[in-house]
């Protein structure tokens, strides 16, 4: 995850009236992707708001990206094992934990 994300943060702060799905169609794709939107939010954050890169991460994340996703979800107080990411399989977060 890149440390410098001021453009994405400014975009998010300046558009309170619009929904996140309107801003980022990637987030609106949670249902057809059969993926929890909170996972997509983290993926989009890791991709610095770049939806093409976010799609690549969703389709074929590196081990480092998977770990980043797990860490961010956990830091937000979420249980990654309870979140669905169909493409990665039901127990995707357990596989990541084995990397540690």
N, C-alpha and C. Protein backbone atom coordinates (compact mmCIF):
# COMPACT_ATOMS: atom_id res chain seq x y z
N UNK A 1 0.86 -1.17 0.00
CA UNK A 1 0.00 0.00 0.00
C UNK A 1 0.90 1.23 0.00
N UNK A 2 0.63 2.14 -0.90
CA UNK A 2 1.44 3.35 -0.98
C UNK A 2 1.09 4.30 0.15
N UNK A 3 2.11 4.91 0.69
CA UNK A 3 1.92 5.81 1.83
C UNK A 3 1.30 7.13 1.42
N UNK A 4 1.55 7.57 0.19
CA UNK A 4 1.11 8.89 -0.25
C UNK A 4 -0.16 8.77 -1.09
N UNK A 5 -1.30 9.12 -0.50
CA UNK A 5 -2.57 9.04 -1.22
C UNK A 5 -3.38 10.33 -1.08
N UNK A 6 -2.75 11.50 -1.18
CA UNK A 6 -3.51 12.73 -0.96
C UNK A 6 -4.60 12.96 -2.00
N UNK A 7 -4.37 12.61 -3.26
CA UNK A 7 -5.38 12.85 -4.30
C UNK A 7 -6.63 12.04 -4.04
N UNK A 8 -6.47 10.78 -3.67
CA UNK A 8 -7.62 9.92 -3.37
C UNK A 8 -8.35 10.44 -2.14
N UNK A 9 -7.62 10.82 -1.11
CA UNK A 9 -8.26 11.34 0.10
C UNK A 9 -9.03 12.61 -0.19
N UNK A 10 -8.45 13.50 -0.99
CA UNK A 10 -9.13 14.75 -1.31
C UNK A 10 -10.40 14.47 -2.12
N UNK A 11 -10.32 13.51 -3.04
CA UNK A 11 -11.48 13.18 -3.84
C UNK A 11 -12.59 12.63 -2.94
N UNK A 12 -12.24 11.79 -2.00
CA UNK A 12 -13.22 11.21 -1.11
C UNK A 12 -13.84 12.28 -0.21
N UNK A 13 -13.03 13.19 0.30
CA UNK A 13 -13.52 14.24 1.18
C UNK A 13 -14.39 15.26 0.46
N UNK A 14 -14.10 15.52 -0.81
CA UNK A 14 -14.81 16.57 -1.52
C UNK A 14 -16.12 16.10 -2.15
N UNK A 15 -16.48 14.85 -1.98
CA UNK A 15 -17.67 14.34 -2.66
C UNK A 15 -18.61 13.64 -1.69
N UNK A 16 -18.84 14.24 -0.56
CA UNK A 16 -19.69 13.63 0.46
C UNK A 16 -21.12 13.41 -0.04
N UNK A 17 -21.59 14.24 -0.95
CA UNK A 17 -22.98 14.15 -1.40
C UNK A 17 -23.21 12.92 -2.29
N UNK A 18 -22.18 12.48 -2.99
CA UNK A 18 -22.34 11.32 -3.88
C UNK A 18 -21.94 10.05 -3.13
N UNK A 19 -22.51 8.94 -3.56
CA UNK A 19 -22.16 7.68 -2.92
C UNK A 19 -20.81 7.20 -3.44
N UNK A 20 -20.19 6.33 -2.66
CA UNK A 20 -18.91 5.76 -3.06
C UNK A 20 -19.06 4.96 -4.35
N UNK A 21 -20.20 4.30 -4.53
CA UNK A 21 -20.43 3.51 -5.74
C UNK A 21 -20.50 4.40 -6.97
N UNK A 22 -21.05 5.61 -6.82
CA UNK A 22 -21.08 6.55 -7.93
C UNK A 22 -19.67 7.01 -8.28
N UNK A 23 -18.87 7.22 -7.27
CA UNK A 23 -17.49 7.66 -7.48
C UNK A 23 -16.64 6.56 -8.08
N UNK A 24 -16.82 5.36 -7.59
CA UNK A 24 -15.98 4.24 -7.97
C UNK A 24 -16.84 3.05 -8.39
N UNK A 25 -17.08 2.88 -9.68
CA UNK A 25 -17.88 1.74 -10.13
C UNK A 25 -17.33 0.40 -9.63
N UNK A 26 -16.03 0.34 -9.37
CA UNK A 26 -15.44 -0.89 -8.82
C UNK A 26 -16.17 -1.31 -7.56
N UNK A 27 -16.53 -0.35 -6.71
CA UNK A 27 -17.23 -0.69 -5.47
C UNK A 27 -18.65 -1.18 -5.74
N UNK A 28 -19.27 -0.65 -6.79
CA UNK A 28 -20.62 -1.07 -7.14
C UNK A 28 -20.65 -2.49 -7.69
N UNK A 29 -19.49 -3.03 -7.99
CA UNK A 29 -19.41 -4.37 -8.58
C UNK A 29 -19.35 -5.48 -7.52
N UNK A 30 -19.57 -5.14 -6.26
CA UNK A 30 -19.45 -6.14 -5.19
C UNK A 30 -20.39 -7.32 -5.40
N UNK A 31 -21.64 -7.05 -5.74
CA UNK A 31 -22.60 -8.14 -5.89
C UNK A 31 -22.25 -9.07 -7.05
N UNK A 32 -22.02 -8.55 -8.27
CA UNK A 32 -21.66 -9.47 -9.35
C UNK A 32 -20.32 -10.18 -9.11
N UNK A 33 -19.44 -9.54 -8.38
CA UNK A 33 -18.15 -10.18 -8.06
C UNK A 33 -18.28 -11.17 -6.90
N UNK A 34 -19.43 -11.15 -6.24
CA UNK A 34 -19.67 -11.99 -5.07
C UNK A 34 -18.56 -11.79 -4.03
N UNK A 35 -18.31 -10.51 -3.78
CA UNK A 35 -17.25 -10.12 -2.86
C UNK A 35 -17.80 -9.05 -1.93
N UNK A 36 -17.48 -9.16 -0.65
CA UNK A 36 -17.90 -8.17 0.33
C UNK A 36 -17.35 -6.81 -0.07
N UNK A 37 -18.19 -5.79 -0.06
CA UNK A 37 -17.78 -4.45 -0.47
C UNK A 37 -16.63 -3.92 0.39
N UNK A 38 -16.52 -4.37 1.63
CA UNK A 38 -15.42 -3.90 2.48
C UNK A 38 -14.08 -4.41 1.97
N UNK A 39 -14.06 -5.57 1.36
CA UNK A 39 -12.83 -6.06 0.72
C UNK A 39 -12.52 -5.21 -0.49
N UNK A 40 -13.54 -4.90 -1.29
CA UNK A 40 -13.31 -4.05 -2.46
C UNK A 40 -12.81 -2.67 -2.06
N UNK A 41 -13.33 -2.12 -0.97
CA UNK A 41 -12.86 -0.82 -0.49
C UNK A 41 -11.37 -0.87 -0.17
N UNK A 42 -10.94 -1.92 0.49
CA UNK A 42 -9.53 -2.06 0.84
C UNK A 42 -8.69 -2.24 -0.42
N UNK A 43 -9.16 -3.06 -1.33
CA UNK A 43 -8.43 -3.27 -2.59
C UNK A 43 -8.28 -1.95 -3.34
N UNK A 44 -9.34 -1.18 -3.41
CA UNK A 44 -9.29 0.11 -4.09
C UNK A 44 -8.33 1.06 -3.39
N UNK A 45 -8.31 1.02 -2.08
CA UNK A 45 -7.36 1.85 -1.32
C UNK A 45 -5.92 1.43 -1.63
N UNK A 46 -5.66 0.14 -1.64
CA UNK A 46 -4.32 -0.36 -1.94
C UNK A 46 -3.91 0.04 -3.36
N UNK A 47 -4.88 0.09 -4.27
CA UNK A 47 -4.62 0.47 -5.66
C UNK A 47 -4.61 1.99 -5.85
N UNK A 48 -4.64 2.75 -4.76
CA UNK A 48 -4.62 4.22 -4.81
C UNK A 48 -5.75 4.79 -5.67
N UNK A 49 -6.91 4.14 -5.62
CA UNK A 49 -8.06 4.65 -6.35
C UNK A 49 -8.09 4.31 -7.83
N UNK A 50 -7.09 3.59 -8.29
CA UNK A 50 -7.00 3.19 -9.70
C UNK A 50 -7.85 1.93 -9.90
N UNK A 51 -8.98 2.07 -10.56
CA UNK A 51 -9.90 0.94 -10.68
C UNK A 51 -9.36 -0.19 -11.56
N UNK A 52 -8.53 0.14 -12.54
CA UNK A 52 -7.91 -0.91 -13.36
C UNK A 52 -6.96 -1.74 -12.50
N UNK A 53 -6.16 -1.06 -11.70
CA UNK A 53 -5.25 -1.76 -10.80
C UNK A 53 -6.04 -2.52 -9.74
N UNK A 54 -7.12 -1.95 -9.24
CA UNK A 54 -7.95 -2.64 -8.25
C UNK A 54 -8.52 -3.92 -8.84
N UNK A 55 -8.96 -3.86 -10.09
CA UNK A 55 -9.48 -5.07 -10.73
C UNK A 55 -8.40 -6.13 -10.86
N UNK A 56 -7.19 -5.70 -11.21
CA UNK A 56 -6.08 -6.66 -11.30
C UNK A 56 -5.81 -7.31 -9.95
N UNK A 57 -5.82 -6.51 -8.88
CA UNK A 57 -5.58 -7.05 -7.54
C UNK A 57 -6.70 -8.01 -7.18
N UNK A 58 -7.94 -7.67 -7.49
CA UNK A 58 -9.07 -8.56 -7.16
C UNK A 58 -8.93 -9.89 -7.90
N UNK A 59 -8.48 -9.84 -9.16
CA UNK A 59 -8.39 -11.06 -9.96
C UNK A 59 -7.19 -11.92 -9.59
N UNK A 60 -6.05 -11.29 -9.33
CA UNK A 60 -4.83 -12.06 -9.10
C UNK A 60 -3.89 -11.31 -8.18
N UNK A 61 -4.23 -11.21 -6.89
CA UNK A 61 -3.38 -10.47 -5.96
C UNK A 61 -2.06 -11.19 -5.69
N UNK A 62 -1.04 -10.40 -5.47
CA UNK A 62 0.25 -10.98 -5.04
C UNK A 62 0.12 -11.37 -3.57
N UNK A 63 1.07 -12.14 -3.09
CA UNK A 63 1.07 -12.49 -1.66
C UNK A 63 1.14 -11.24 -0.79
N UNK A 64 1.95 -10.27 -1.19
CA UNK A 64 2.06 -9.03 -0.42
C UNK A 64 0.74 -8.26 -0.40
N UNK A 65 0.06 -8.21 -1.53
CA UNK A 65 -1.24 -7.53 -1.58
C UNK A 65 -2.27 -8.25 -0.71
N UNK A 66 -2.25 -9.57 -0.73
CA UNK A 66 -3.17 -10.32 0.14
C UNK A 66 -2.91 -10.02 1.61
N UNK A 67 -1.65 -9.96 1.96
CA UNK A 67 -1.30 -9.65 3.35
C UNK A 67 -1.76 -8.24 3.70
N UNK A 68 -1.53 -7.28 2.79
CA UNK A 68 -1.99 -5.90 3.02
C UNK A 68 -3.50 -5.86 3.26
N UNK A 69 -4.24 -6.59 2.44
CA UNK A 69 -5.70 -6.63 2.58
C UNK A 69 -6.08 -7.20 3.94
N UNK A 70 -5.48 -8.28 4.32
CA UNK A 70 -5.77 -8.91 5.60
C UNK A 70 -5.46 -7.96 6.76
N UNK A 71 -4.31 -7.30 6.70
CA UNK A 71 -3.90 -6.40 7.77
C UNK A 71 -4.86 -5.21 7.89
N UNK A 72 -5.23 -4.61 6.76
CA UNK A 72 -6.13 -3.46 6.80
C UNK A 72 -7.49 -3.86 7.35
N UNK A 73 -8.03 -4.97 6.88
CA UNK A 73 -9.33 -5.44 7.39
C UNK A 73 -9.27 -5.69 8.89
N UNK A 74 -8.21 -6.33 9.33
CA UNK A 74 -8.05 -6.62 10.76
C UNK A 74 -7.90 -5.34 11.57
N UNK A 75 -7.10 -4.39 11.04
CA UNK A 75 -6.93 -3.09 11.71
C UNK A 75 -8.25 -2.35 11.85
N UNK A 76 -9.17 -2.59 10.94
CA UNK A 76 -10.49 -1.94 10.98
C UNK A 76 -11.47 -2.71 11.87
N UNK A 77 -10.97 -3.72 12.54
CA UNK A 77 -11.80 -4.47 13.47
C UNK A 77 -12.71 -5.49 12.80
N UNK A 78 -12.40 -5.83 11.56
CA UNK A 78 -13.22 -6.80 10.83
C UNK A 78 -12.58 -8.18 10.90
N UNK A 79 -13.40 -9.20 10.85
CA UNK A 79 -12.92 -10.58 10.81
C UNK A 79 -12.85 -11.00 9.34
N UNK A 80 -11.66 -11.06 8.75
CA UNK A 80 -11.55 -11.41 7.34
C UNK A 80 -12.19 -12.76 6.99
N UNK A 81 -12.20 -13.69 7.92
CA UNK A 81 -12.79 -15.00 7.64
C UNK A 81 -14.30 -14.91 7.46
N UNK A 82 -14.90 -13.84 7.92
CA UNK A 82 -16.35 -13.68 7.80
C UNK A 82 -16.74 -12.93 6.53
N UNK A 83 -15.75 -12.47 5.76
CA UNK A 83 -16.02 -11.67 4.57
C UNK A 83 -15.84 -12.53 3.31
N UNK A 84 -16.78 -12.43 2.42
CA UNK A 84 -16.78 -13.25 1.21
C UNK A 84 -15.93 -12.62 0.10
N UNK A 85 -15.08 -13.44 -0.50
CA UNK A 85 -14.31 -13.08 -1.69
C UNK A 85 -14.33 -14.29 -2.59
N UNK A 86 -15.40 -14.41 -3.36
CA UNK A 86 -15.68 -15.63 -4.12
C UNK A 86 -14.51 -16.07 -4.98
N UNK A 87 -13.88 -15.15 -5.67
CA UNK A 87 -12.79 -15.50 -6.58
C UNK A 87 -11.64 -16.19 -5.85
N UNK A 88 -11.41 -15.80 -4.60
CA UNK A 88 -10.29 -16.36 -3.84
C UNK A 88 -10.71 -17.59 -3.03
N UNK A 89 -11.96 -17.91 -3.03
CA UNK A 89 -12.41 -19.08 -2.27
C UNK A 89 -12.90 -18.68 -0.90
N UNK A 90 -13.66 -19.58 -0.32
CA UNK A 90 -14.31 -19.31 0.96
C UNK A 90 -13.31 -19.06 2.08
N UNK A 91 -12.23 -19.77 2.10
CA UNK A 91 -11.28 -19.67 3.20
C UNK A 91 -10.03 -18.88 2.81
N UNK A 92 -10.22 -17.85 2.01
CA UNK A 92 -9.07 -17.09 1.52
C UNK A 92 -8.21 -16.52 2.62
N UNK A 93 -8.80 -16.04 3.69
CA UNK A 93 -8.01 -15.40 4.74
C UNK A 93 -7.20 -16.41 5.55
N UNK A 94 -7.68 -17.62 5.67
CA UNK A 94 -6.88 -18.65 6.35
C UNK A 94 -5.62 -18.96 5.58
N UNK A 95 -5.71 -18.98 4.27
CA UNK A 95 -4.52 -19.20 3.45
C UNK A 95 -3.50 -18.12 3.62
N UNK A 96 -3.96 -16.89 3.76
CA UNK A 96 -3.06 -15.76 3.96
C UNK A 96 -2.36 -15.90 5.31
N UNK A 97 -3.11 -16.28 6.32
CA UNK A 97 -2.54 -16.41 7.65
C UNK A 97 -1.43 -17.46 7.68
N UNK A 98 -1.50 -18.44 6.79
CA UNK A 98 -0.44 -19.45 6.73
C UNK A 98 0.86 -18.87 6.17
N UNK A 99 0.76 -17.78 5.41
CA UNK A 99 1.96 -17.12 4.88
C UNK A 99 2.77 -16.53 6.03
N UNK A 100 2.07 -16.01 7.06
CA UNK A 100 2.75 -15.43 8.20
C UNK A 100 3.53 -16.50 8.86
